[in-house]
Protein backbone atom coordinates (compact mmCIF):
# COMPACT_ATOMS: atom_id res chain seq x y z
CA MET A 1 -10.84 -11.01 17.19
CA GLU A 2 -14.15 -9.24 16.54
CA ILE A 3 -12.81 -7.34 13.52
CA ARG A 4 -11.89 -10.63 11.84
CA LYS A 5 -15.45 -11.90 12.26
CA THR A 6 -16.85 -8.95 10.30
CA LEU A 7 -14.53 -9.37 7.30
CA PRO A 8 -15.15 -11.80 4.39
CA ASP A 9 -13.11 -15.00 4.54
CA GLN A 10 -10.33 -15.11 1.97
CA THR A 11 -7.96 -17.98 1.28
CA GLY A 12 -4.32 -17.16 1.91
CA VAL A 13 -5.07 -14.06 3.99
CA ASN A 14 -3.88 -13.74 7.61
CA LEU A 15 -5.02 -10.96 9.93
CA SER A 16 -3.71 -9.95 13.32
CA LEU A 17 -4.46 -7.16 15.78
CA GLU A 18 -2.21 -6.60 18.76
CA HIS A 19 -1.84 -3.43 20.81
CA CYS A 20 -3.32 -1.24 18.03
CA GLN A 21 -1.09 -2.77 15.36
CA PHE A 22 -3.35 -4.13 12.61
CA SER A 23 -1.68 -6.43 10.07
CA ILE A 24 -2.91 -8.21 6.95
CA ASN A 25 -0.66 -10.59 5.02
CA SER A 26 -1.79 -12.19 1.77
CA THR A 27 -0.15 -14.87 -0.38
CA LYS A 28 -1.75 -15.91 -3.68
CA ASN A 29 -0.38 -18.35 -6.24
CA ASN A 30 -1.88 -18.09 -9.73
CA GLU A 31 -1.03 -21.41 -11.36
CA THR A 32 -2.64 -20.40 -14.67
CA SER A 33 -0.42 -17.37 -15.20
CA GLU A 34 2.45 -18.76 -13.08
CA GLN A 35 2.55 -15.76 -10.78
CA LEU A 36 3.06 -15.26 -7.05
CA ALA A 37 1.36 -12.25 -5.46
CA LEU A 38 2.35 -11.09 -1.98
CA SER A 39 0.78 -8.19 -0.14
CA ARG A 40 1.15 -6.75 3.33
CA LEU A 41 -0.64 -4.04 5.25
CA GLU A 42 0.77 -2.67 8.48
CA ALA A 43 -1.50 -0.08 10.10
CA ASP A 44 -0.72 1.68 13.36
CA LEU A 45 -4.25 2.40 14.52
CA THR A 46 -3.05 5.22 16.78
CA SER A 47 -2.46 7.15 13.53
CA PHE A 48 -6.15 7.02 12.55
CA LYS A 49 -9.29 8.83 13.67
CA PHE A 50 -12.24 6.93 15.07
CA ASP A 51 -14.84 9.67 15.48
CA SER A 52 -16.04 9.28 11.86
CA VAL A 53 -15.53 7.04 8.82
CA GLY A 54 -16.28 7.15 5.10
CA ILE A 55 -18.55 4.63 3.36
CA ARG A 56 -18.96 4.62 -0.43
CA THR A 57 -20.99 2.21 -2.54
CA VAL A 58 -19.81 0.74 -5.84
CA SER A 59 -21.88 -0.35 -8.81
CA ASP A 60 -22.15 -4.03 -7.85
CA GLY A 61 -23.68 -3.29 -4.45
CA ARG A 62 -20.52 -3.64 -2.42
CA ALA A 63 -19.28 -0.86 -0.16
CA ILE A 64 -15.87 0.66 0.56
CA LEU A 65 -15.18 1.62 4.17
CA THR A 66 -12.41 4.17 4.72
CA ILE A 67 -10.84 4.94 8.08
CA LYS A 68 -9.47 8.47 8.03
CA ALA A 69 -5.94 9.36 9.15
CA LYS A 70 -5.03 11.81 11.90
CA PRO A 71 -2.94 14.91 11.11
CA VAL A 72 0.75 14.23 10.48
CA SER A 73 2.74 13.72 13.68
CA ASP A 74 6.46 13.93 14.45
CA ARG A 75 6.44 10.14 14.81
CA GLN A 76 5.12 9.77 11.26
CA LEU A 77 7.79 12.14 9.96
CA ASP A 78 10.44 10.08 11.77
CA GLN A 79 9.13 6.98 9.99
CA ALA A 80 9.04 8.77 6.63
CA GLU A 81 12.70 9.76 7.04
CA ALA A 82 13.62 6.20 8.04
CA LEU A 83 11.79 4.82 5.00
CA VAL A 84 13.36 7.10 2.40
CA ALA A 85 16.80 6.38 3.90
CA LEU A 86 16.31 2.77 2.76
CA VAL A 87 15.62 3.70 -0.87
CA PRO A 88 18.31 2.07 -3.08
CA GLU A 89 20.77 4.41 -4.76
CA GLU A 90 19.60 3.41 -8.24
CA MET A 91 16.04 4.48 -7.37
CA ARG A 92 17.08 7.86 -5.98
CA SER A 93 18.07 9.20 -9.38
CA LYS A 94 14.69 8.49 -11.02
CA ARG A 95 12.88 11.53 -12.37
CA GLY A 96 9.18 10.95 -12.90
CA SER A 97 6.43 13.13 -14.30
CA THR A 98 3.11 14.38 -12.97
CA LEU A 99 0.12 12.07 -13.50
CA THR A 100 -3.48 13.08 -12.82
CA MET A 101 -6.18 10.40 -12.68
CA ILE A 102 -9.84 11.47 -12.74
CA PRO A 103 -12.23 8.54 -12.05
CA ASN A 104 -15.95 8.46 -12.77
CA ASP A 105 -16.57 8.49 -9.03
CA GLY A 106 -14.24 9.01 -6.10
CA PRO A 107 -11.35 11.42 -5.53
CA VAL A 108 -8.95 12.75 -8.14
CA THR A 109 -5.42 11.35 -7.72
CA ILE A 110 -2.34 13.42 -8.57
CA THR A 111 1.04 11.69 -8.59
CA LYS A 112 4.18 13.78 -8.96
CA PRO A 113 7.91 13.39 -8.20
CA LEU A 114 9.39 14.95 -5.08
CA ALA A 115 12.27 17.39 -5.25
CA ALA A 116 15.40 15.95 -3.62
CA ASP A 117 18.75 17.58 -3.10
CA GLU A 118 21.82 16.72 -5.20
CA SER A 119 22.53 13.63 -3.09
CA GLY A 120 18.97 12.34 -3.59
CA VAL A 121 17.97 13.09 0.03
CA LEU A 122 14.47 14.34 0.82
CA GLU A 123 14.36 17.03 3.48
CA ARG A 124 12.06 16.58 6.48
CA SER A 125 10.23 19.77 5.50
CA THR A 126 9.57 18.33 2.01
CA LEU A 127 8.17 15.14 3.52
CA LYS A 128 6.02 17.18 5.90
CA ASP A 129 4.59 19.27 3.06
CA LEU A 130 3.70 16.10 1.13
CA LEU A 131 2.10 14.21 4.00
CA GLU A 132 0.06 17.23 5.05
CA GLN A 133 -1.68 17.31 1.67
CA PRO A 134 -5.17 15.70 1.62
CA ASN A 135 -4.45 11.94 1.41
CA GLY A 136 -0.78 12.76 0.89
CA ARG A 137 1.55 9.76 0.96
CA LEU A 138 4.90 8.50 -0.24
CA SER A 139 4.49 5.99 -3.08
CA PHE A 140 6.99 3.79 -4.88
CA HIS A 141 6.05 1.73 -7.94
CA LEU A 142 7.73 -0.81 -10.20
CA SER A 143 6.15 -2.00 -13.45
CA SER A 144 7.16 -4.10 -16.43
CA VAL A 145 6.17 -4.30 -20.07
CA VAL A 146 4.32 -7.21 -21.67
CA ARG A 147 4.65 -7.10 -25.45
CA ILE A 148 1.81 -8.41 -27.60
CA THR A 149 2.18 -8.71 -31.37
CA GLU A 150 -0.29 -9.76 -34.05
CA GLU A 151 1.90 -12.68 -35.08
CA VAL A 152 1.79 -14.30 -31.64
CA GLU A 153 -1.48 -15.58 -30.20
CA ALA A 154 -0.31 -15.48 -26.58
CA PRO A 155 1.65 -12.60 -25.06
CA ALA A 156 5.31 -13.15 -24.33
CA PRO A 157 6.26 -13.69 -20.67
CA PRO A 158 6.60 -10.39 -18.82
CA GLN A 159 10.17 -9.15 -18.66
CA PRO A 160 11.08 -7.90 -15.17
CA HIS A 161 12.43 -4.37 -14.90
CA LYS A 162 16.19 -3.94 -14.44
CA ASP A 163 15.47 -2.36 -11.06
CA ALA A 164 13.58 -5.45 -9.84
CA PRO A 165 16.39 -6.79 -7.58
CA GLY A 166 16.82 -3.35 -6.01
CA PHE A 167 13.10 -2.95 -5.33
CA HIS A 168 12.95 -6.49 -3.91
CA LYS A 169 15.77 -5.65 -1.49
CA PHE A 170 14.07 -2.34 -0.61
CA ALA A 171 10.84 -4.20 0.23
CA GLN A 172 12.66 -6.74 2.39
CA GLU A 173 14.43 -4.00 4.34
CA ILE A 174 11.17 -2.14 4.91
CA GLN A 175 9.55 -5.27 6.35
CA ALA A 176 12.58 -6.01 8.56
CA ASP A 177 12.80 -2.50 10.03
CA ASP A 178 11.11 -2.37 13.46
CA ARG A 179 10.74 1.40 13.19
CA LEU A 180 8.27 1.07 10.30
CA ASN A 181 4.78 -0.08 11.20
CA ASN A 182 2.49 1.96 8.97
CA TYR A 183 2.66 1.05 5.26
CA SER A 184 1.13 -1.07 2.50
CA LEU A 185 3.19 -3.26 0.19
CA SER A 186 2.39 -5.41 -2.86
CA LEU A 187 4.79 -7.61 -4.82
CA VAL A 188 4.07 -9.80 -7.88
CA TYR A 189 6.65 -12.28 -9.15
CA VAL A 190 6.86 -14.39 -12.28
CA GLY A 191 6.93 -18.00 -11.08
CA ALA A 192 6.13 -19.68 -7.78
CA GLU A 193 8.98 -18.21 -5.71
CA PRO A 194 9.85 -14.62 -4.65
CA ASP A 195 13.01 -14.46 -6.73
CA PRO A 196 14.48 -10.91 -6.78
CA ASP A 197 15.12 -11.18 -10.53
CA SER A 198 11.51 -12.22 -11.24
CA LEU A 199 9.75 -9.28 -9.55
CA PHE A 200 7.76 -7.48 -12.26
CA VAL A 201 5.07 -5.43 -10.46
CA ALA A 202 5.43 -3.79 -7.05
CA GLY A 203 4.05 -0.94 -4.98
CA LEU A 204 4.73 0.61 -1.58
CA SER A 205 2.75 3.38 0.11
CA PHE A 206 3.37 5.27 3.35
CA PRO A 207 1.21 5.88 5.27
CA PRO A 208 -1.26 3.22 4.14
CA GLN A 209 -4.80 3.88 3.03
CA LEU A 210 -6.94 1.94 5.51
CA GLN A 211 -9.86 0.69 3.41
CA PHE A 212 -12.07 -2.39 3.49
CA ILE A 213 -14.34 -3.70 0.73
CA THR A 214 -17.49 -5.27 2.15
CA PRO A 215 -20.40 -7.12 0.48
CA SER A 216 -22.91 -4.40 1.40
CA VAL A 217 -23.40 -1.06 3.13
CA ASP A 218 -24.85 -2.86 6.17
CA LYS A 219 -21.67 -4.95 6.46
CA ALA A 220 -19.58 -1.81 6.11
CA LYS A 221 -21.51 -0.16 8.94
CA GLU A 222 -21.10 -3.25 11.11
CA LEU A 223 -17.35 -3.31 10.50
CA ALA A 224 -17.12 0.45 11.10
CA ARG A 225 -18.83 0.11 14.50
CA THR A 226 -16.44 -2.69 15.48
CA ILE A 227 -13.30 -0.81 14.42
CA MET A 228 -14.43 2.49 15.93
CA HIS A 229 -15.24 0.82 19.25
CA TYR A 230 -11.82 -0.84 19.37
CA GLY A 231 -10.01 2.32 18.34
CA GLN A 232 -11.84 4.60 20.78
CA THR A 233 -11.25 2.12 23.61
CA ASN A 234 -7.64 1.15 22.95
CA CYS A 235 -5.91 3.44 20.46
CA ARG A 236 -6.20 6.99 21.69
């Protein structure tokens, strides 16, 4: 696979490309902190544009290559409805707040809760309005608190959130659903095994942001040419 040849080698990372379905699976065990990190990217390349790309440099000389998404399609809305239907009941009642993040460079990110009806269901029109926003996507996050006190030299082990088992089940159902092929998922567990009760950090985004970090701008351009050629030839 030509795309694989242009990406840096990383231990524990598996890539596949078949009929415009691009997949990256990563498994990393951190023995020092006793954590297991799992991540998965599923990108339907027919949902992305290949007439132009974005390349941005970072301070250490590396470059970030971004493949831009096509306008929202009925197929994407079907997937969005299928995804939110899998959200556990305990997660439907969450009421978040608006968060605006302004980096030194790069785009401003605004995260805000979506308005659901009394049953917690998101209407198709609501999903459409969200996904049609610039870089609009559905995002689900789980985090936990690590308490550090002056009396203790080392921080106490992270305590998983009470919703950890529910989010773990949600993630498993997403990955098992053949209708869903365009998302990014990350899961971090305390310990060496993916125990539902030990999940303490997680994130899911639909559709995914298709980005690659390369050692240099030249490498980013090389990868961009390879991806654009494949997409223009096979993924119209």
